[in-house]
Amino acid sequence: MSAAGDRLQDIARQVALALPDVSHGYPFTPGLDVYKVAGKVFLIVTDDPDEQIITVKCEPEHARAQERGYVSITPGRYLDKRHWISLGPGPGITERLITDAVEDSYDLVAERLPRPAP
């Protein structure tokens, strides 16, 4: 079953807040709910009721495959179009797909964080 826009956004928010060391707020504009790990963005939830999308980080090759596979996945809004994708409600946008997209984005950002000195 495909997730409606508000459900898509709610799922993304719940998944993000369940991950370790996540903070969120509205650093850019009141309409963009931004989720970060160690100060680095991994999820943006658009609060505009007419444009219910989430934007996540994605490996470029995987991003292009996702865009070809789903009509409501497009190059990332607001960010580098190679490394970010936006997901909107539509055919095939399931809770599992949303969860995987948010968790994968978090992992991509977290793995690039500097490691603490031993």
PDB file of N, CA and C in Angstrom:
ATOM      1  N   MET A   1       0.843  -1.182   0.000  1.00  0.00           N
ATOM      2  CA  MET A   1       0.000   0.000   0.000  1.00  0.00           C
ATOM      3  C   MET A   1       0.888   1.244   0.000  1.00  0.00           C
ATOM      4  N   SER A   2       0.582   2.203  -0.864  1.00  0.00           N
ATOM      5  CA  SER A   2       1.356   3.439  -0.954  1.00  0.00           C
ATOM      6  C   SER A   2       0.997   4.359   0.204  1.00  0.00           C
ATOM      7  N   ALA A   3       1.996   5.133   0.634  1.00  0.00           N
ATOM      8  CA  ALA A   3       1.788   6.068   1.739  1.00  0.00           C
ATOM      9  C   ALA A   3       1.326   7.414   1.204  1.00  0.00           C
ATOM     10  N   ALA A   4       0.267   7.965   1.786  1.00  0.00           N
ATOM     11  CA  ALA A   4      -0.189   9.307   1.441  1.00  0.00           C
ATOM     12  C   ALA A   4       0.835  10.315   1.945  1.00  0.00           C
ATOM     13  N   GLY A   5       0.760  11.550   1.455  1.00  0.00           N
ATOM     14  CA  GLY A   5       1.753  12.566   1.793  1.00  0.00           C
ATOM     15  C   GLY A   5       1.978  12.774   3.277  1.00  0.00           C
ATOM     16  N   ASP A   6       0.900  12.982   4.057  1.00  0.00           N
ATOM     17  CA  ASP A   6       1.080  13.211   5.484  1.00  0.00           C
ATOM     18  C   ASP A   6       1.625  11.966   6.165  1.00  0.00           C
ATOM     19  N   ARG A   7       1.229  10.807   5.718  1.00  0.00           N
ATOM     20  CA  ARG A   7       1.734   9.546   6.283  1.00  0.00           C
ATOM     21  C   ARG A   7       3.211   9.385   5.939  1.00  0.00           C
ATOM     22  N   LEU A   8       3.591   9.713   4.713  1.00  0.00           N
ATOM     23  CA  LEU A   8       4.987   9.662   4.287  1.00  0.00           C
ATOM     24  C   LEU A   8       5.830  10.521   5.225  1.00  0.00           C
ATOM     25  N   GLN A   9       5.385  11.724   5.475  1.00  0.00           N
ATOM     26  CA  GLN A   9       6.124  12.646   6.339  1.00  0.00           C
ATOM     27  C   GLN A   9       6.171  12.148   7.786  1.00  0.00           C
ATOM     28  N   ASP A  10       5.050  11.656   8.294  1.00  0.00           N
ATOM     29  CA  ASP A  10       5.021  11.134   9.666  1.00  0.00           C
ATOM     30  C   ASP A  10       5.965   9.947   9.828  1.00  0.00           C
ATOM     31  N   ILE A  11       5.960   9.039   8.864  1.00  0.00           N
ATOM     32  CA  ILE A  11       6.852   7.875   8.926  1.00  0.00           C
ATOM     33  C   ILE A  11       8.295   8.346   8.943  1.00  0.00           C
ATOM     34  N   ALA A  12       8.652   9.254   8.045  1.00  0.00           N
ATOM     35  CA  ALA A  12      10.029   9.756   7.976  1.00  0.00           C
ATOM     36  C   ALA A  12      10.455  10.396   9.289  1.00  0.00           C
ATOM     37  N   ARG A  13       9.585  11.197   9.873  1.00  0.00           N
ATOM     38  CA  ARG A  13       9.910  11.849  11.152  1.00  0.00           C
ATOM     39  C   ARG A  13      10.123  10.809  12.264  1.00  0.00           C
ATOM     40  N   GLN A  14       9.238   9.829  12.346  1.00  0.00           N
ATOM     41  CA  GLN A  14       9.343   8.800  13.385  1.00  0.00           C
ATOM     42  C   GLN A  14      10.629   7.996  13.239  1.00  0.00           C
ATOM     43  N   VAL A  15      10.956   7.616  12.012  1.00  0.00           N
ATOM     44  CA  VAL A  15      12.174   6.846  11.767  1.00  0.00           C
ATOM     45  C   VAL A  15      13.395   7.677  12.162  1.00  0.00           C
ATOM     46  N   ALA A  16      13.424   8.926  11.730  1.00  0.00           N
ATOM     47  CA  ALA A  16      14.574   9.793  12.021  1.00  0.00           C
ATOM     48  C   ALA A  16      14.768   9.977  13.526  1.00  0.00           C
ATOM     49  N   LEU A  17      13.685  10.240  14.244  1.00  0.00           N
ATOM     50  CA  LEU A  17      13.809  10.496  15.682  1.00  0.00           C
ATOM     51  C   LEU A  17      14.183   9.245  16.475  1.00  0.00           C
ATOM     52  N   ALA A  18      14.000   8.063  15.888  1.00  0.00           N
ATOM     53  CA  ALA A  18      14.383   6.821  16.567  1.00  0.00           C
ATOM     54  C   ALA A  18      15.874   6.503  16.398  1.00  0.00           C
ATOM     55  N   LEU A  19      16.564   7.221  15.534  1.00  0.00           N
ATOM     56  CA  LEU A  19      17.989   6.981  15.291  1.00  0.00           C
ATOM     57  C   LEU A  19      18.836   7.706  16.335  1.00  0.00           C
ATOM     58  N   PRO A  20      20.050   7.209  16.602  1.00  0.00           N
ATOM     59  CA  PRO A  20      20.886   7.818  17.643  1.00  0.00           C
ATOM     60  C   PRO A  20      21.381   9.227  17.288  1.00  0.00           C
ATOM     61  N   ASP A  21      21.418  10.076  18.302  1.00  0.00           N
ATOM     62  CA  ASP A  21      22.039  11.406  18.216  1.00  0.00           C
ATOM     63  C   ASP A  21      21.428  12.315  17.161  1.00  0.00           C
ATOM     64  N   VAL A  22      20.126  12.213  16.939  1.00  0.00           N
ATOM     65  CA  VAL A  22      19.451  13.038  15.939  1.00  0.00           C
ATOM     66  C   VAL A  22      18.897  14.301  16.597  1.00  0.00           C
ATOM     67  N   SER A  23      19.079  15.414  15.891  1.00  0.00           N
ATOM     68  CA  SER A  23      18.460  16.671  16.307  1.00  0.00           C
ATOM     69  C   SER A  23      17.623  17.167  15.132  1.00  0.00           C
ATOM     70  N   HIS A  24      16.648  18.015  15.424  1.00  0.00           N
ATOM     71  CA  HIS A  24      15.888  18.596  14.323  1.00  0.00           C
ATOM     72  C   HIS A  24      15.403  19.978  14.698  1.00  0.00           C
ATOM     73  N   GLY A  25      15.108  20.743  13.668  1.00  0.00           N
ATOM     74  CA  GLY A  25      14.634  22.100  13.847  1.00  0.00           C
ATOM     75  C   GLY A  25      14.351  22.716  12.488  1.00  0.00           C
ATOM     76  N   TYR A  26      14.257  24.051  12.485  1.00  0.00           N
ATOM     77  CA  TYR A  26      13.914  24.787  11.274  1.00  0.00           C
ATOM     78  C   TYR A  26      14.992  25.841  10.989  1.00  0.00           C
ATOM     79  N   PRO A  27      16.227  25.405  10.660  1.00  0.00           N
ATOM     80  CA  PRO A  27      17.315  26.364  10.493  1.00  0.00           C
ATOM     81  C   PRO A  27      17.235  27.191   9.202  1.00  0.00           C
ATOM     82  N   PHE A  28      16.512  26.731   8.188  1.00  0.00           N
ATOM     83  CA  PHE A  28      16.504  27.424   6.906  1.00  0.00           C
ATOM     84  C   PHE A  28      15.276  28.300   6.731  1.00  0.00           C
ATOM     85  N   THR A  29      14.121  27.723   6.990  1.00  0.00           N
ATOM     86  CA  THR A  29      12.845  28.421   6.827  1.00  0.00           C
ATOM     87  C   THR A  29      11.790  27.665   7.640  1.00  0.00           C
ATOM     88  N   PRO A  30      10.738  28.337   8.086  1.00  0.00           N
ATOM     89  CA  PRO A  30       9.726  27.641   8.893  1.00  0.00           C
ATOM     90  C   PRO A  30       9.072  26.453   8.194  1.00  0.00           C
ATOM     91  N   GLY A  31       9.117  26.350   6.878  1.00  0.00           N
ATOM     92  CA  GLY A  31       8.456  25.269   6.172  1.00  0.00           C
ATOM     93  C   GLY A  31       9.295  24.028   5.941  1.00  0.00           C
ATOM     94  N   LEU A  32      10.550  24.031   6.426  1.00  0.00           N
ATOM     95  CA  LEU A  32      11.436  22.885   6.224  1.00  0.00           C
ATOM     96  C   LEU A  32      11.914  22.347   7.564  1.00  0.00           C
ATOM     97  N   ASP A  33      11.419  21.174   7.927  1.00  0.00           N
ATOM     98  CA  ASP A  33      11.799  20.492   9.167  1.00  0.00           C
ATOM     99  C   ASP A  33      13.059  19.684   8.859  1.00  0.00           C
ATOM    100  N   VAL A  34      14.190  20.091   9.427  1.00  0.00           N
ATOM    101  CA  VAL A  34      15.502  19.534   9.078  1.00  0.00           C
ATOM    102  C   VAL A  34      16.012  18.619  10.196  1.00  0.00           C
ATOM    103  N   TYR A  35      16.436  17.417   9.815  1.00  0.00           N
ATOM    104  CA  TYR A  35      16.960  16.423  10.749  1.00  0.00           C
ATOM    105  C   TYR A  35      18.448  16.250  10.494  1.00  0.00           C
ATOM    106  N   LYS A  36      19.227  16.251  11.591  1.00  0.00           N
ATOM    107  CA  LYS A  36      20.679  16.195  11.489  1.00  0.00           C
ATOM    108  C   LYS A  36      21.242  15.147  12.434  1.00  0.00           C
ATOM    109  N   VAL A  37      22.427  14.644  12.077  1.00  0.00           N
ATOM    110  CA  VAL A  37      23.236  13.835  12.972  1.00  0.00           C
ATOM    111  C   VAL A  37      24.589  14.541  13.045  1.00  0.00           C
ATOM    112  N   ALA A  38      25.039  14.850  14.254  1.00  0.00           N
ATOM    113  CA  ALA A  38      26.293  15.568  14.483  1.00  0.00           C
ATOM    114  C   ALA A  38      26.369  16.834  13.623  1.00  0.00           C
ATOM    115  N   GLY A  39      25.259  17.542  13.526  1.00  0.00           N
ATOM    116  CA  GLY A  39      25.235  18.800  12.796  1.00  0.00           C
ATOM    117  C   GLY A  39      25.149  18.678  11.287  1.00  0.00           C
ATOM    118  N   LYS A  40      25.043  17.469  10.761  1.00  0.00           N
ATOM    119  CA  LYS A  40      24.982  17.242   9.314  1.00  0.00           C
ATOM    120  C   LYS A  40      23.577  16.793   8.908  1.00  0.00           C
ATOM    121  N   VAL A  41      23.020  17.427   7.908  1.00  0.00           N
ATOM    122  CA  VAL A  41      21.655  17.141   7.444  1.00  0.00           C
ATOM    123  C   VAL A  41      21.577  15.764   6.786  1.00  0.00           C
ATOM    124  N   PHE A  42      20.549  15.002   7.153  1.00  0.00           N
ATOM    125  CA  PHE A  42      20.271  13.738   6.464  1.00  0.00           C
ATOM    126  C   PHE A  42      18.817  13.622   6.008  1.00  0.00           C
ATOM    127  N   LEU A  43      17.931  14.495   6.491  1.00  0.00           N
ATOM    128  CA  LEU A  43      16.519  14.452   6.118  1.00  0.00           C
ATOM    129  C   LEU A  43      15.923  15.845   6.196  1.00  0.00           C
ATOM    130  N   ILE A  44      15.149  16.183   5.166  1.00  0.00           N
ATOM    131  CA  ILE A  44      14.354  17.414   5.186  1.00  0.00           C
ATOM    132  C   ILE A  44      12.912  17.019   4.899  1.00  0.00           C
ATOM    133  N   VAL A  45      12.017  17.443   5.783  1.00  0.00           N
ATOM    134  CA  VAL A  45      10.586  17.190   5.603  1.00  0.00           C
ATOM    135  C   VAL A  45       9.931  18.531   5.280  1.00  0.00           C
ATOM    136  N   THR A  46       9.286  18.600   4.125  1.00  0.00           N
ATOM    137  CA  THR A  46       8.617  19.830   3.700  1.00  0.00           C
ATOM    138  C   THR A  46       7.259  19.904   4.365  1.00  0.00           C
ATOM    139  N   ASP A  47       7.017  20.976   5.101  1.00  0.00           N
ATOM    140  CA  ASP A  47       5.755  21.118   5.822  1.00  0.00           C
ATOM    141  C   ASP A  47       4.616  21.674   4.972  1.00  0.00           C
ATOM    142  N   ASP A  48       4.881  22.031   3.726  1.00  0.00           N
ATOM    143  CA  ASP A  48       3.857  22.575   2.834  1.00  0.00           C
ATOM    144  C   ASP A  48       2.809  21.503   2.536  1.00  0.00           C
ATOM    145  N   PRO A  49       1.538  21.723   2.929  1.00  0.00           N
ATOM    146  CA  PRO A  49       0.508  20.696   2.704  1.00  0.00           C
ATOM    147  C   PRO A  49       0.240  20.437   1.215  1.00  0.00           C
ATOM    148  N   ASP A  50       0.616  21.363   0.343  1.00  0.00           N
ATOM    149  CA  ASP A  50       0.423  21.178  -1.097  1.00  0.00           C
ATOM    150  C   ASP A  50       1.587  20.454  -1.754  1.00  0.00           C
ATOM    151  N   GLU A  51       2.670  20.267  -1.013  1.00  0.00           N
ATOM    152  CA  GLU A  51       3.855  19.613  -1.563  1.00  0.00           C
ATOM    153  C   GLU A  51       4.481  18.737  -0.478  1.00  0.00           C
ATOM    154  N   GLN A  52       3.855  17.616  -0.215  1.00  0.00           N
ATOM    155  CA  GLN A  52       4.260  16.744   0.885  1.00  0.00           C
ATOM    156  C   GLN A  52       5.377  15.817   0.426  1.00  0.00           C
ATOM    157  N   ILE A  53       6.613  16.289   0.607  1.00  0.00           N
ATOM    158  CA  ILE A  53       7.775  15.496   0.209  1.00  0.00           C
ATOM    159  C   ILE A  53       8.762  15.402   1.353  1.00  0.00           C
ATOM    160  N   ILE A  54       9.647  14.420   1.228  1.00  0.00           N
ATOM    161  CA  ILE A  54      10.821  14.335   2.086  1.00  0.00           C
ATOM    162  C   ILE A  54      12.033  14.301   1.154  1.00  0.00           C
ATOM    163  N   THR A  55      13.163  14.804   1.631  1.00  0.00           N
ATOM    164  CA  THR A  55      14.391  14.803   0.849  1.00  0.00           C
ATOM    165  C   THR A  55      15.468  14.122   1.673  1.00  0.00           C
ATOM    166  N   VAL A  56      16.150  13.136   1.053  1.00  0.00           N
ATOM    167  CA  VAL A  56      17.166  12.343   1.745  1.00  0.00           C
ATOM    168  C   VAL A  56      18.431  12.254   0.899  1.00  0.00           C
ATOM    169  N   LYS A  57      19.547  12.008   1.579  1.00  0.00           N
ATOM    170  CA  LYS A  57      20.821  11.794   0.902  1.00  0.00           C
ATOM    171  C   LYS A  57      20.829  10.375   0.322  1.00  0.00           C
ATOM    172  N   CYS A  58      21.510  10.218  -0.830  1.00  0.00           N
ATOM    173  CA  CYS A  58      21.499   8.931  -1.515  1.00  0.00           C
ATOM    174  C   CYS A  58      22.750   8.844  -2.393  1.00  0.00           C
ATOM    175  N   GLU A  59      23.341   7.652  -2.488  1.00  0.00           N
ATOM    176  CA  GLU A  59      24.458   7.455  -3.409  1.00  0.00           C
ATOM    177  C   GLU A  59      23.972   7.783  -4.820  1.00  0.00           C
ATOM    178  N   PRO A  60      24.763   8.493  -5.631  1.00  0.00           N
ATOM    179  CA  PRO A  60      24.293   8.921  -6.956  1.00  0.00           C
ATOM    180  C   PRO A  60      23.742   7.800  -7.837  1.00  0.00           C
ATOM    181  N   GLU A  61      24.396   6.654  -7.891  1.00  0.00           N
ATOM    182  CA  GLU A  61      23.913   5.568  -8.736  1.00  0.00           C
ATOM    183  C   GLU A  61      22.562   5.045  -8.239  1.00  0.00           C
ATOM    184  N   HIS A  62      22.428   4.909  -6.945  1.00  0.00           N
ATOM    185  CA  HIS A  62      21.179   4.442  -6.353  1.00  0.00           C
ATOM    186  C   HIS A  62      20.071   5.487  -6.561  1.00  0.00           C
ATOM    187  N   ALA A  63      20.443   6.751  -6.450  1.00  0.00           N
ATOM    188  CA  ALA A  63      19.475   7.827  -6.642  1.00  0.00           C
ATOM    189  C   ALA A  63      18.881   7.769  -8.043  1.00  0.00           C
ATOM    190  N   ARG A  64      19.715   7.609  -9.061  1.00  0.00           N
ATOM    191  CA  ARG A  64      19.220   7.547 -10.444  1.00  0.00           C
ATOM    192  C   ARG A  64      18.324   6.328 -10.640  1.00  0.00           C
ATOM    193  N   ALA A  65      18.687   5.201 -10.033  1.00  0.00           N
ATOM    194  CA  ALA A  65      17.849   3.995 -10.141  1.00  0.00           C
ATOM    195  C   ALA A  65      16.491   4.235  -9.486  1.00  0.00           C
ATOM    196  N   GLN A  66      16.490   4.882  -8.329  1.00  0.00           N
ATOM    197  CA  GLN A  66      15.228   5.175  -7.637  1.00  0.00           C
ATOM    198  C   GLN A  66      14.361   6.101  -8.487  1.00  0.00           C
ATOM    199  N   GLU A  67      14.987   7.117  -9.097  1.00  0.00           N
ATOM    200  CA  GLU A  67      14.233   8.055  -9.926  1.00  0.00           C
ATOM    201  C   GLU A  67      13.614   7.352 -11.132  1.00  0.00           C
ATOM    202  N   ARG A  68      14.322   6.387 -11.704  1.00  0.00           N
ATOM    203  CA  ARG A  68      13.785   5.640 -12.846  1.00  0.00           C
ATOM    204  C   ARG A  68      12.679   4.678 -12.414  1.00  0.00           C
ATOM    205  N   GLY A  69      12.750   4.183 -11.179  1.00  0.00           N
ATOM    206  CA  GLY A  69      11.808   3.175 -10.713  1.00  0.00           C
ATOM    207  C   GLY A  69      10.498   3.702 -10.153  1.00  0.00           C
ATOM    208  N   TYR A  70      10.462   4.966  -9.762  1.00  0.00           N
ATOM    209  CA  TYR A  70       9.274   5.528  -9.107  1.00  0.00           C
ATOM    210  C   TYR A  70       8.993   6.922  -9.654  1.00  0.00           C
ATOM    211  N   VAL A  71       7.793   7.146 -10.122  1.00  0.00           N
ATOM    212  CA  VAL A  71       7.462   8.451 -10.694  1.00  0.00           C
ATOM    213  C   VAL A  71       7.486   9.584  -9.673  1.00  0.00           C
ATOM    214  N   SER A  72       7.287   9.264  -8.391  1.00  0.00           N
ATOM    215  CA  SER A  72       7.251  10.331  -7.382  1.00  0.00           C
ATOM    216  C   SER A  72       8.580  10.480  -6.634  1.00  0.00           C
ATOM    217  N   ILE A  73       9.651   9.890  -7.161  1.00  0.00           N
ATOM    218  CA  ILE A  73      11.001  10.143  -6.641  1.00  0.00           C
ATOM    219  C   ILE A  73      11.725  10.975  -7.693  1.00  0.00           C
ATOM    220  N   THR A  74      12.199  12.140  -7.263  1.00  0.00           N
ATOM    221  CA  THR A  74      12.834  13.099  -8.171  1.00  0.00           C
ATOM    222  C   THR A  74      14.189  13.526  -7.609  1.00  0.00           C
ATOM    223  N   PRO A  75      15.018  14.179  -8.436  1.00  0.00           N
ATOM    224  CA  PRO A  75      16.261  14.720  -7.888  1.00  0.00           C
ATOM    225  C   PRO A  75      15.941  15.622  -6.699  1.00  0.00           C
ATOM    226  N   GLY A  76      16.825  15.632  -5.718  1.00  0.00           N
ATOM    227  CA  GLY A  76      16.580  16.326  -4.457  1.00  0.00           C
ATOM    228  C   GLY A  76      16.258  17.799  -4.589  1.00  0.00           C
ATOM    229  N   ARG A  77      15.194  18.185  -3.941  1.00  0.00           N
ATOM    230  CA  ARG A  77      14.812  19.578  -3.885  1.00  0.00           C
ATOM    231  C   ARG A  77      15.718  20.281  -2.880  1.00  0.00           C
ATOM    232  N   TYR A  78      16.149  21.478  -3.178  1.00  0.00           N
ATOM    233  CA  TYR A  78      16.926  22.341  -2.285  1.00  0.00           C
ATOM    234  C   TYR A  78      18.411  21.999  -2.213  1.00  0.00           C
ATOM    235  N   LEU A  79      18.816  20.783  -2.615  1.00  0.00           N
ATOM    236  CA  LEU A  79      20.195  20.340  -2.389  1.00  0.00           C
ATOM    237  C   LEU A  79      20.818  19.806  -3.671  1.00  0.00           C
ATOM    238  N   ASP A  80      22.062  19.343  -3.579  1.00  0.00           N
ATOM    239  CA  ASP A  80      22.790  18.777  -4.706  1.00  0.00           C
ATOM    240  C   ASP A  80      21.959  17.668  -5.351  1.00  0.00           C
ATOM    241  N   LYS A  81      21.621  17.845  -6.610  1.00  0.00           N
ATOM    242  CA  LYS A  81      20.735  16.910  -7.307  1.00  0.00           C
ATOM    243  C   LYS A  81      21.367  15.537  -7.525  1.00  0.00           C
ATOM    244  N   ARG A  82      22.691  15.421  -7.447  1.00  0.00           N
ATOM    245  CA  ARG A  82      23.338  14.119  -7.626  1.00  0.00           C
ATOM    246  C   ARG A  82      23.254  13.271  -6.369  1.00  0.00           C
ATOM    247  N   HIS A  83      23.314  13.901  -5.207  1.00  0.00           N
ATOM    248  CA  HIS A  83      23.434  13.170  -3.951  1.00  0.00           C
ATOM    249  C   HIS A  83      22.171  13.166  -3.099  1.00  0.00           C
ATOM    250  N   TRP A  84      21.106  13.773  -3.578  1.00  0.00           N
ATOM    251  CA  TRP A  84      19.877  13.863  -2.800  1.00  0.00           C
ATOM    252  C   TRP A  84      18.682  13.536  -3.689  1.00  0.00           C
ATOM    253  N   ILE A  85      17.681  12.888  -3.105  1.00  0.00           N
ATOM    254  CA  ILE A  85      16.430  12.608  -3.803  1.00  0.00           C
ATOM    255  C   ILE A  85      15.265  13.083  -2.943  1.00  0.00           C
ATOM    256  N   SER A  86      14.188  13.437  -3.617  1.00  0.00           N
ATOM    257  CA  SER A  86      12.954  13.801  -2.919  1.00  0.00           C
ATOM    258  C   SER A  86      11.906  12.738  -3.217  1.00  0.00           C
ATOM    259  N   LEU A  87      11.188  12.319  -2.185  1.00  0.00           N
ATOM    260  CA  LEU A  87      10.126  11.325  -2.314  1.00  0.00           C
ATOM    261  C   LEU A  87       8.803  11.998  -2.010  1.00  0.00           C
ATOM    262  N   GLY A  88       7.857  11.822  -2.907  1.00  0.00           N
ATOM    263  CA  GLY A  88       6.502  12.305  -2.691  1.00  0.00           C
ATOM    264  C   GLY A  88       5.557  11.131  -2.689  1.00  0.00           C
ATOM    265  N   PRO A  89       4.316  11.345  -2.309  1.00  0.00           N
ATOM    266  CA  PRO A  89       3.352  10.247  -2.321  1.00  0.00           C
ATOM    267  C   PRO A  89       3.112   9.779  -3.749  1.00  0.00           C
ATOM    268  N   GLY A  90       2.934   8.490  -3.906  1.00  0.00           N
ATOM    269  CA  GLY A  90       2.665   7.955  -5.232  1.00  0.00           C
ATOM    270  C   GLY A  90       2.766   6.448  -5.249  1.00  0.00           C
ATOM    271  N   PRO A  91       2.580   5.861  -6.420  1.00  0.00           N
ATOM    272  CA  PRO A  91       2.619   4.401  -6.551  1.00  0.00           C
ATOM    273  C   PRO A  91       3.964   3.837  -6.097  1.00  0.00           C
ATOM    274  N   GLY A  92       3.898   2.834  -5.230  1.00  0.00           N
ATOM    275  CA  GLY A  92       5.104   2.150  -4.780  1.00  0.00           C
ATOM    276  C   GLY A  92       5.833   2.797  -3.614  1.00  0.00           C
ATOM    277  N   ILE A  93       5.400   3.968  -3.161  1.00  0.00           N
ATOM    278  CA  ILE A  93       6.050   4.636  -2.030  1.00  0.00           C
ATOM    279  C   ILE A  93       5.434   4.066  -0.757  1.00  0.00           C
ATOM    280  N   THR A  94       6.092   3.054  -0.227  1.00  0.00           N
ATOM    281  CA  THR A  94       5.582   2.315   0.924  1.00  0.00           C
ATOM    282  C   THR A  94       6.304   2.723   2.199  1.00  0.00           C
ATOM    283  N   GLU A  95       5.768   2.269   3.319  1.00  0.00           N
ATOM    284  CA  GLU A  95       6.410   2.519   4.605  1.00  0.00           C
ATOM    285  C   GLU A  95       7.833   1.948   4.612  1.00  0.00           C
ATOM    286  N   ARG A  96       8.027   0.763   4.058  1.00  0.00           N
ATOM    287  CA  ARG A  96       9.361   0.141   4.011  1.00  0.00           C
ATOM    288  C   ARG A  96      10.318   0.982   3.180  1.00  0.00           C
ATOM    289  N   LEU A  97       9.876   1.480   2.031  1.00  0.00           N
ATOM    290  CA  LEU A  97      10.724   2.311   1.177  1.00  0.00           C
ATOM    291  C   LEU A  97      11.126   3.599   1.887  1.00  0.00           C
ATOM    292  N   ILE A  98      10.180   4.221   2.573  1.00  0.00           N
ATOM    293  CA  ILE A  98      10.454   5.457   3.312  1.00  0.00           C
ATOM    294  C   ILE A  98      11.448   5.183   4.437  1.00  0.00           C
ATOM    295  N   THR A  99      11.190   4.130   5.201  1.00  0.00           N
ATOM    296  CA  THR A  99      12.085   3.764   6.309  1.00  0.00           C
ATOM    297  C   THR A  99      13.495   3.507   5.793  1.00  0.00           C
ATOM    298  N   ASP A 100      13.614   2.724   4.731  1.00  0.00           N
ATOM    299  CA  ASP A 100      14.934   2.427   4.168  1.00  0.00           C
ATOM    300  C   ASP A 100      15.629   3.694   3.680  1.00  0.00           C
ATOM    301  N   ALA A 101      14.890   4.588   3.031  1.00  0.00           N
ATOM    302  CA  ALA A 101      15.481   5.822   2.511  1.00  0.00           C
ATOM    303  C   ALA A 101      16.029   6.696   3.639  1.00  0.00           C
ATOM    304  N   VAL A 102      15.269   6.842   4.719  1.00  0.00           N
ATOM    305  CA  VAL A 102      15.714   7.665   5.850  1.00  0.00           C
ATOM    306  C   VAL A 102      16.913   7.016   6.542  1.00  0.00           C
ATOM    307  N   GLU A 103      16.838   5.719   6.796  1.00  0.00           N
ATOM    308  CA  GLU A 103      17.948   5.028   7.466  1.00  0.00           C
ATOM    309  C   GLU A 103      19.212   5.028   6.606  1.00  0.00           C
ATOM    310  N   ASP A 104      19.067   4.823   5.296  1.00  0.00           N
ATOM    311  CA  ASP A 104      20.224   4.852   4.401  1.00  0.00           C
ATOM    312  C   ASP A 104      20.861   6.245   4.372  1.00  0.00           C
ATOM    313  N   SER A 105      20.034   7.278   4.353  1.00  0.00           N
ATOM    314  CA  SER A 105      20.532   8.649   4.358  1.00  0.00           C
ATOM    315  C   SER A 105      21.314   8.924   5.641  1.00  0.00           C
ATOM    316  N   TYR A 106      20.736   8.537   6.763  1.00  0.00           N
ATOM    317  CA  TYR A 106      21.412   8.690   8.065  1.00  0.00           C
ATOM    318  C   TYR A 106      22.765   7.979   8.040  1.00  0.00           C
ATOM    319  N   ASP A 107      22.781   6.728   7.556  1.00  0.00           N
ATOM    320  CA  ASP A 107      24.026   5.955   7.514  1.00  0.00           C
ATOM    321  C   ASP A 107      25.074   6.624   6.628  1.00  0.00           C
ATOM    322  N   LEU A 108      24.659   7.148   5.478  1.00  0.00           N
ATOM    323  CA  LEU A 108      25.601   7.833   4.583  1.00  0.00           C
ATOM    324  C   LEU A 108      26.247   9.030   5.267  1.00  0.00           C
ATOM    325  N   VAL A 109      25.446   9.794   5.972  1.00  0.00           N
ATOM    326  CA  VAL A 109      25.964  10.979   6.657  1.00  0.00           C
ATOM    327  C   VAL A 109      26.817  10.560   7.849  1.00  0.00           C
ATOM    328  N   ALA A 110      26.341   9.628   8.655  1.00  0.00           N
ATOM    329  CA  ALA A 110      27.064   9.201   9.862  1.00  0.00           C
ATOM    330  C   ALA A 110      28.413   8.573   9.536  1.00  0.00           C
ATOM    331  N   GLU A 111      28.485   7.801   8.452  1.00  0.00           N
ATOM    332  CA  GLU A 111      29.751   7.129   8.134  1.00  0.00           C
ATOM    333  C   GLU A 111      30.830   8.108   7.672  1.00  0.00           C
ATOM    334  N   ARG A 112      30.437   9.310   7.288  1.00  0.00           N
ATOM    335  CA  ARG A 112      31.415  10.312   6.845  1.00  0.00           C
ATOM    336  C   ARG A 112      31.840  11.260   7.960  1.00  0.00           C
ATOM    337  N   LEU A 113      31.291  11.055   9.149  1.00  0.00           N
ATOM    338  CA  LEU A 113      31.666  11.910  10.278  1.00  0.00           C
ATOM    339  C   LEU A 113      33.061  11.565  10.750  1.00  0.00           C
ATOM    340  N   PRO A 114      33.819  12.553  11.213  1.00  0.00           N
ATOM    341  CA  PRO A 114      35.153  12.242  11.735  1.00  0.00           C
ATOM    342  C   PRO A 114      35.062  11.311  12.948  1.00  0.00           C
ATOM    343  N   ARG A 115      35.980  10.410  13.027  1.00  0.00           N
ATOM    344  CA  ARG A 115      36.038   9.469  14.164  1.00  0.00           C
ATOM    345  C   ARG A 115      36.780  10.130  15.319  1.00  0.00           C
ATOM    346  N   PRO A 116      36.323   9.897  16.550  1.00  0.00           N
ATOM    347  CA  PRO A 116      37.031  10.457  17.712  1.00  0.00           C
ATOM    348  C   PRO A 116      38.419   9.823  17.835  1.00  0.00           C
ATOM    349  N   ALA A 117      39.350  10.617  18.307  1.00  0.00           N
ATOM    350  CA  ALA A 117      40.725  10.106  18.513  1.00  0.00           C
ATOM    351  C   ALA A 117      40.725   9.076  19.635  1.00  0.00           C
ATOM    352  N   PRO A 118      41.531   8.011  19.491  1.00  0.00           N
ATOM    353  CA  PRO A 118      41.557   6.969  20.533  1.00  0.00           C
ATOM    354  C   PRO A 118      42.174   7.455  21.827  1.00  0.00           C
TER     355      PRO A 118
END
